[in-house]
Amino acid sequence: MTRWLLPIMCLLYLVNPLSAMAAEEVVQAQQGDISLMQQFDDAEEIAPERAISEKRKHQILFFMGASLLLLLLLTGGLGLAMGIWEKDVFVWHMLSAGLTVTLAITHAVVSFVWFYPS
């Protein structure tokens, strides 16, 4: 047991400066991240010709929501057709389900980005 004590102590002695150097690198990386984020905070506002009005944002989200509702009803109808009437519409059901999920995620992200900060 004592013959392993000296190599272990030497190893711990060598690891200590390495951990201090790693800590310095982490601090420098964090400072670089902070300066990068400050560049985005200092960015200019969106140009007026590119800005979207609140009314137009609501209209876009309304059309997305209406399309989402229609896709949801279509997916449910195809699922019922498969389950109750034993129709062979599995591929169409899966396609409409994929589109429904994609549109739902897009609707959620767009509404969060447009309306959460204000």
Protein backbone atom coordinates (compact mmCIF):
# COMPACT_ATOMS: atom_id res chain seq x y z
CA MET A 1 0.00 0.00 0.00
CA THR A 2 2.78 2.41 0.85
CA ARG A 3 4.55 1.84 -2.45
CA TRP A 4 1.51 3.34 -4.28
CA LEU A 5 1.40 6.36 -2.00
CA LEU A 6 4.33 8.19 -3.62
CA PRO A 7 3.09 7.86 -7.25
CA ILE A 8 -0.41 8.94 -6.21
CA MET A 9 0.96 11.98 -4.39
CA CYS A 10 3.09 12.89 -7.44
CA LEU A 11 0.08 12.54 -9.70
CA LEU A 12 -2.04 14.79 -7.46
CA TYR A 13 0.78 17.32 -7.40
CA LEU A 14 0.85 17.40 -11.21
CA VAL A 15 -2.93 17.56 -11.63
CA ASN A 16 -3.40 20.61 -9.39
CA PRO A 17 -1.75 23.15 -11.78
CA LEU A 18 -3.62 21.62 -14.71
CA SER A 19 -6.95 22.21 -13.00
CA ALA A 20 -5.98 25.82 -12.30
CA MET A 21 -5.12 26.32 -15.99
CA ALA A 22 -8.44 24.74 -17.00
CA ALA A 23 -10.30 27.10 -14.66
CA GLU A 24 -8.57 30.10 -16.27
CA GLU A 25 -9.57 28.86 -19.72
CA VAL A 26 -13.20 28.53 -18.59
CA VAL A 27 -13.20 32.10 -17.25
CA GLN A 28 -11.73 33.41 -20.52
CA ALA A 29 -14.32 31.49 -22.53
CA GLN A 30 -17.13 32.92 -20.40
CA GLN A 31 -15.81 36.45 -20.90
CA GLY A 32 -15.71 35.83 -24.66
CA ASP A 33 -19.32 34.61 -24.57
CA ILE A 34 -20.40 37.70 -22.66
CA SER A 35 -18.73 40.03 -25.16
CA LEU A 36 -20.35 38.13 -28.03
CA MET A 37 -23.82 38.46 -26.47
CA GLN A 38 -23.25 42.18 -25.86
CA GLN A 39 -22.72 42.65 -29.59
CA PHE A 40 -26.21 41.28 -30.21
CA ASP A 41 -27.68 43.45 -27.47
CA ASP A 42 -26.11 46.54 -29.02
CA ALA A 43 -27.44 45.72 -32.49
CA GLU A 44 -29.72 48.25 -34.13
CA GLU A 45 -33.46 47.81 -34.24
CA ILE A 46 -35.16 46.26 -37.28
CA ALA A 47 -35.49 48.62 -40.20
CA PRO A 48 -39.02 50.10 -40.46
CA GLU A 49 -39.59 48.70 -43.94
CA ARG A 50 -38.83 45.19 -42.67
CA ALA A 51 -40.86 45.41 -39.45
CA ILE A 52 -44.17 43.54 -39.27
CA SER A 53 -47.10 45.25 -37.59
CA GLU A 54 -48.89 43.66 -34.65
CA LYS A 55 -52.07 43.29 -36.71
CA ARG A 56 -50.21 41.41 -39.46
CA LYS A 57 -48.56 39.14 -36.88
CA HIS A 58 -51.97 38.27 -35.46
CA GLN A 59 -53.30 37.58 -38.96
CA ILE A 60 -50.40 35.25 -39.75
CA LEU A 61 -50.86 33.37 -36.49
CA PHE A 62 -54.62 33.14 -37.11
CA PHE A 63 -54.08 31.56 -40.54
CA MET A 64 -51.51 29.20 -39.07
CA GLY A 65 -53.96 28.25 -36.31
CA ALA A 66 -56.83 27.73 -38.75
CA SER A 67 -54.62 25.52 -40.93
CA LEU A 68 -53.52 23.64 -37.84
CA LEU A 69 -57.13 23.01 -36.85
CA LEU A 70 -57.98 21.73 -40.33
CA LEU A 71 -54.94 19.42 -40.36
CA LEU A 72 -55.86 18.16 -36.92
CA LEU A 73 -59.40 17.33 -38.05
CA LEU A 74 -58.04 15.64 -41.18
CA THR A 75 -55.62 13.56 -39.12
CA GLY A 76 -58.39 12.54 -36.75
CA GLY A 77 -60.74 11.71 -39.62
CA LEU A 78 -58.11 9.53 -41.29
CA GLY A 79 -57.43 7.83 -37.97
CA LEU A 80 -61.13 7.11 -37.52
CA ALA A 81 -61.36 5.84 -41.11
CA MET A 82 -58.54 3.40 -40.36
CA GLY A 83 -59.88 2.31 -36.99
CA ILE A 84 -63.63 2.09 -37.57
CA TRP A 85 -64.11 1.52 -41.28
CA GLU A 86 -60.79 -0.31 -41.84
CA LYS A 87 -59.72 1.90 -44.74
CA ASP A 88 -56.14 1.66 -46.00
CA VAL A 89 -55.10 5.29 -45.40
CA PHE A 90 -52.16 4.75 -43.04
CA VAL A 91 -49.64 6.64 -45.19
CA TRP A 92 -51.98 9.63 -45.57
CA HIS A 93 -52.73 9.55 -41.85
CA MET A 94 -49.01 9.61 -41.01
CA LEU A 95 -48.31 12.40 -43.51
CA SER A 96 -51.07 14.56 -42.10
CA ALA A 97 -49.93 13.80 -38.56
CA GLY A 98 -46.38 14.87 -39.44
CA LEU A 99 -47.61 18.08 -41.03
CA THR A 100 -49.85 18.74 -38.02
CA VAL A 101 -46.99 18.35 -35.55
CA THR A 102 -44.68 20.47 -37.70
CA LEU A 103 -47.23 23.26 -38.00
CA ALA A 104 -48.01 23.09 -34.27
CA ILE A 105 -44.33 23.48 -33.35
CA THR A 106 -43.89 26.30 -35.88
CA HIS A 107 -46.99 28.08 -34.56
CA ALA A 108 -45.73 27.81 -30.99
CA VAL A 109 -42.23 29.03 -31.80
CA VAL A 110 -43.43 31.97 -33.91
CA SER A 111 -45.91 33.12 -31.29
CA PHE A 112 -43.29 32.79 -28.55
CA VAL A 113 -40.70 34.77 -30.51
CA TRP A 114 -43.10 37.51 -31.56
CA PHE A 115 -45.09 38.03 -28.37
CA TYR A 116 -43.12 36.78 -25.36
CA PRO A 117 -40.59 39.66 -25.11
CA SER A 118 -43.24 42.39 -25.19
